[in-house]
C-alpha atoms as a PDB file:
ATOM      1  CA  GLY A   1      -6.434  -3.040   7.458  1.00  0.00           C
ATOM      2  CA  GLY A   2      -9.476  -2.110   9.317  1.00  0.00           C
ATOM      3  CA  ARG A   3     -13.106  -1.562   8.381  1.00  0.00           C
ATOM      4  CA  TRP A   4     -15.280   1.474   7.847  1.00  0.00           C
ATOM      5  CA  ALA A   5     -18.737   1.729   9.427  1.00  0.00           C
ATOM      6  CA  LEU A   6     -21.504   4.073   8.393  1.00  0.00           C
ATOM      7  CA  HIS A   7     -22.747   6.354  11.179  1.00  0.00           C
ATOM      8  CA  PRO A   8     -25.627   8.766  10.324  1.00  0.00           C
ATOM      9  CA  LEU A   9     -25.132  12.446  11.058  1.00  0.00           C
ATOM     10  CA  PRO A  10     -27.838  14.451  12.820  1.00  0.00           C
ATOM     11  CA  VAL A  11     -30.669  15.679  10.678  1.00  0.00           C
ATOM     12  CA  MET A  12     -29.504  19.346  10.884  1.00  0.00           C
ATOM     13  CA  ALA A  13     -26.371  18.321   8.926  1.00  0.00           C
ATOM     14  CA  GLN A  14     -28.662  17.452   6.051  1.00  0.00           C
ATOM     15  CA  VAL A  15     -31.054  20.436   5.670  1.00  0.00           C
ATOM     16  CA  ALA A  16     -29.075  21.962   2.820  1.00  0.00           C
ATOM     17  CA  PRO A  17     -26.145  21.079   0.544  1.00  0.00           C
ATOM     18  CA  VAL A  18     -22.715  20.973   2.318  1.00  0.00           C
ATOM     19  CA  TYR A  19     -19.783  22.319   0.329  1.00  0.00           C
ATOM     20  CA  ALA A  20     -17.258  23.037   3.145  1.00  0.00           C
ATOM     21  CA  ILE A  21     -16.230  20.972   6.168  1.00  0.00           C
ATOM     22  CA  GLN A  22     -13.743  22.144   8.810  1.00  0.00           C
ATOM     23  CA  PRO A  23     -12.555  19.803  11.556  1.00  0.00           C
ATOM     24  CA  LEU A  24     -11.832  21.595  14.849  1.00  0.00           C
ATOM     25  CA  ASP A  25     -11.981  20.958  18.573  1.00  0.00           C
ATOM     26  CA  ALA A  26     -14.829  23.341  19.378  1.00  0.00           C
ATOM     27  CA  ASN A  27     -15.324  22.344  23.038  1.00  0.00           C
ATOM     28  CA  GLY A  28     -11.786  21.575  24.112  1.00  0.00           C
ATOM     29  CA  ASP A  29     -12.335  17.907  24.871  1.00  0.00           C
ATOM     30  CA  GLY A  30      -9.541  16.683  22.509  1.00  0.00           C
ATOM     31  CA  ARG A  31     -11.852  15.185  19.914  1.00  0.00           C
ATOM     32  CA  MET A  32     -12.196  16.617  16.425  1.00  0.00           C
ATOM     33  CA  ASP A  33     -15.603  18.166  15.941  1.00  0.00           C
ATOM     34  CA  LEU A  34     -17.033  19.240  12.534  1.00  0.00           C
ATOM     35  CA  LEU A  35     -18.239  22.563  11.256  1.00  0.00           C
ATOM     36  CA  LEU A  36     -20.323  22.239   8.053  1.00  0.00           C
ATOM     37  CA  ALA A  37     -21.328  25.047   5.722  1.00  0.00           C
ATOM     38  CA  GLY A  38     -22.749  25.303   2.201  1.00  0.00           C
ATOM     39  CA  ASN A  39     -26.092  26.192   0.623  1.00  0.00           C
ATOM     40  CA  TYR A  40     -27.075  26.584  -2.954  1.00  0.00           C
ATOM     41  CA  GLU A  41     -29.281  29.633  -3.654  1.00  0.00           C
ATOM     42  CA  ARG A  42     -29.269  29.466  -7.511  1.00  0.00           C
ATOM     43  CA  THR A  43     -31.719  26.709  -8.053  1.00  0.00           C
ATOM     44  CA  ARG A  44     -34.641  26.411 -10.404  1.00  0.00           C
ATOM     45  CA  ALA A  45     -37.588  28.580  -9.336  1.00  0.00           C
ATOM     46  CA  ASN A  46     -39.933  25.571  -8.723  1.00  0.00           C
ATOM     47  CA  TRP A  47     -37.418  24.048  -6.267  1.00  0.00           C
ATOM     48  CA  GLY A  48     -36.741  27.113  -4.205  1.00  0.00           C
ATOM     49  CA  ARG A  49     -33.465  27.926  -2.568  1.00  0.00           C
ATOM     50  CA  PHE A  50     -31.360  25.421  -0.583  1.00  0.00           C
ATOM     51  CA  ASP A  51     -30.311  27.898   2.116  1.00  0.00           C
ATOM     52  CA  GLY A  52     -30.997  26.247   5.479  1.00  0.00           C
ATOM     53  CA  ASN A  53     -27.388  25.821   6.469  1.00  0.00           C
ATOM     54  CA  HIS A  54     -26.076  28.773   8.483  1.00  0.00           C
ATOM     55  CA  GLY A  55     -23.073  26.934   9.889  1.00  0.00           C
ATOM     56  CA  VAL A  56     -23.816  23.527  11.445  1.00  0.00           C
ATOM     57  CA  LEU A  57     -21.514  22.598  14.369  1.00  0.00           C
ATOM     58  CA  LEU A  58     -21.427  18.907  15.278  1.00  0.00           C
ATOM     59  CA  LEU A  59     -19.698  17.833  18.450  1.00  0.00           C
ATOM     60  CA  ASN A  60     -17.918  14.529  18.422  1.00  0.00           C
ATOM     61  CA  LEU A  61     -19.237  12.408  21.269  1.00  0.00           C
ATOM     62  CA  GLY A  62     -17.020   9.457  20.320  1.00  0.00           C
ATOM     63  CA  GLY A  63     -18.083   6.021  18.982  1.00  0.00           C
ATOM     64  CA  GLY A  64     -19.420   7.572  15.772  1.00  0.00           C
ATOM     65  CA  GLN A  65     -21.941   9.724  17.610  1.00  0.00           C
ATOM     66  CA  TRP A  66     -22.420  13.423  16.866  1.00  0.00           C
ATOM     67  CA  GLU A  67     -24.449  16.147  18.662  1.00  0.00           C
ATOM     68  CA  TYR A  68     -25.816  19.197  16.807  1.00  0.00           C
ATOM     69  CA  VAL A  69     -25.085  22.449  18.535  1.00  0.00           C
ATOM     70  CA  PRO A  70     -27.811  25.086  17.984  1.00  0.00           C
ATOM     71  CA  GLN A  71     -26.651  28.394  16.520  1.00  0.00           C
ATOM     72  CA  TYR A  72     -27.551  30.350  19.632  1.00  0.00           C
ATOM     73  CA  ARG A  73     -24.890  28.202  21.436  1.00  0.00           C
ATOM     74  CA  SER A  74     -22.295  27.969  18.635  1.00  0.00           C
ATOM     75  CA  GLY A  75     -22.448  31.627  17.617  1.00  0.00           C
ATOM     76  CA  PHE A  76     -22.348  30.824  13.896  1.00  0.00           C
ATOM     77  CA  HIS A  77     -24.865  32.481  11.628  1.00  0.00           C
ATOM     78  CA  ILE A  78     -23.380  32.390   8.116  1.00  0.00           C
ATOM     79  CA  GLN A  79     -25.711  33.344   5.276  1.00  0.00           C
ATOM     80  CA  GLY A  80     -25.187  32.697   1.613  1.00  0.00           C
ATOM     81  CA  ASP A  81     -23.425  30.066  -0.451  1.00  0.00           C
ATOM     82  CA  VAL A  82     -20.253  29.007   1.447  1.00  0.00           C
ATOM     83  CA  ARG A  83     -17.613  27.187  -0.557  1.00  0.00           C
ATOM     84  CA  ASN A  84     -14.596  27.127   1.639  1.00  0.00           C
ATOM     85  CA  ILE A  85     -13.619  27.402   5.316  1.00  0.00           C
ATOM     86  CA  LEU A  86     -10.064  28.355   6.373  1.00  0.00           C
ATOM     87  CA  SER A  87      -8.977  27.932   9.966  1.00  0.00           C
ATOM     88  CA  PHE A  88      -5.765  29.433  11.403  1.00  0.00           C
ATOM     89  CA  ASP A  89      -4.266  30.652  14.648  1.00  0.00           C
ATOM     90  CA  GLN A  90      -3.848  34.427  15.084  1.00  0.00           C
ATOM     91  CA  SER A  91      -1.985  35.486  18.226  1.00  0.00           C
ATOM     92  CA  GLY A  92      -3.245  32.299  20.091  1.00  0.00           C
ATOM     93  CA  ARG A  93      -6.857  32.657  18.986  1.00  0.00           C
ATOM     94  CA  GLN A  94      -8.577  30.529  16.418  1.00  0.00           C
ATOM     95  CA  LEU A  95      -9.880  32.414  13.386  1.00  0.00           C
ATOM     96  CA  LEU A  96     -12.241  30.938  10.773  1.00  0.00           C
ATOM     97  CA  LEU A  97     -12.710  32.520   7.385  1.00  0.00           C
ATOM     98  CA  PHE A  98     -15.671  31.652   5.142  1.00  0.00           C
ATOM     99  CA  GLY A  99     -15.344  32.012   1.408  1.00  0.00           C
ATOM    100  CA  GLN A 100     -18.679  32.647  -0.224  1.00  0.00           C
ATOM    101  CA  THR A 101     -20.082  32.945  -3.731  1.00  0.00           C
ATOM    102  CA  ASN A 102     -20.754  36.589  -4.690  1.00  0.00           C
ATOM    103  CA  ALA A 103     -20.111  37.868  -1.092  1.00  0.00           C
ATOM    104  CA  PRO A 104     -17.239  39.178   0.870  1.00  0.00           C
ATOM    105  CA  VAL A 105     -15.237  36.852   3.046  1.00  0.00           C
ATOM    106  CA  SER A 106     -16.676  36.603   6.554  1.00  0.00           C
ATOM    107  CA  GLY A 107     -14.633  35.741   9.684  1.00  0.00           C
ATOM    108  CA  TYR A 108     -15.292  34.428  13.129  1.00  0.00           C
ATOM    109  CA  VAL A 109     -12.901  34.509  16.089  1.00  0.00           C
ATOM    110  CA  ARG A 110     -13.334  31.906  18.818  1.00  0.00           C
ATOM    111  CA  GLU A 111     -14.010  33.686  22.136  1.00  0.00           C
ATOM    112  CA  GLN A 112     -14.545  30.572  24.246  1.00  0.00           C
ATOM    113  CA  ALA A 113     -15.006  26.847  23.901  1.00  0.00           C
ATOM    114  CA  VAL A 114     -18.556  25.719  23.016  1.00  0.00           C
ATOM    115  CA  GLN A 115     -20.375  24.138  25.926  1.00  0.00           C
END
């Protein structure tokens, strides 16, 4: 049972194609937030590159509401075409690995909760 309801995401979640989504509790409030990554740089010349997504963190405010966290607060600045995000625990610290097209894997370690 139950019903689904459409809730729009913030505009920053839609500035470039999204190919990878990682749920995580970024601010320690017990709600699953979302980290979005993607881009598509190999487009036709007249369209230009779709490369405005450098890691979009959305905090879950509850009730279908999301807050975009600017990169200077989130610490994410991922360039290139991301196709996968892997999250795992390493000695009690959360590690995120980003798989990218034609680029080495990049990694981020959580130093503190996002405020």
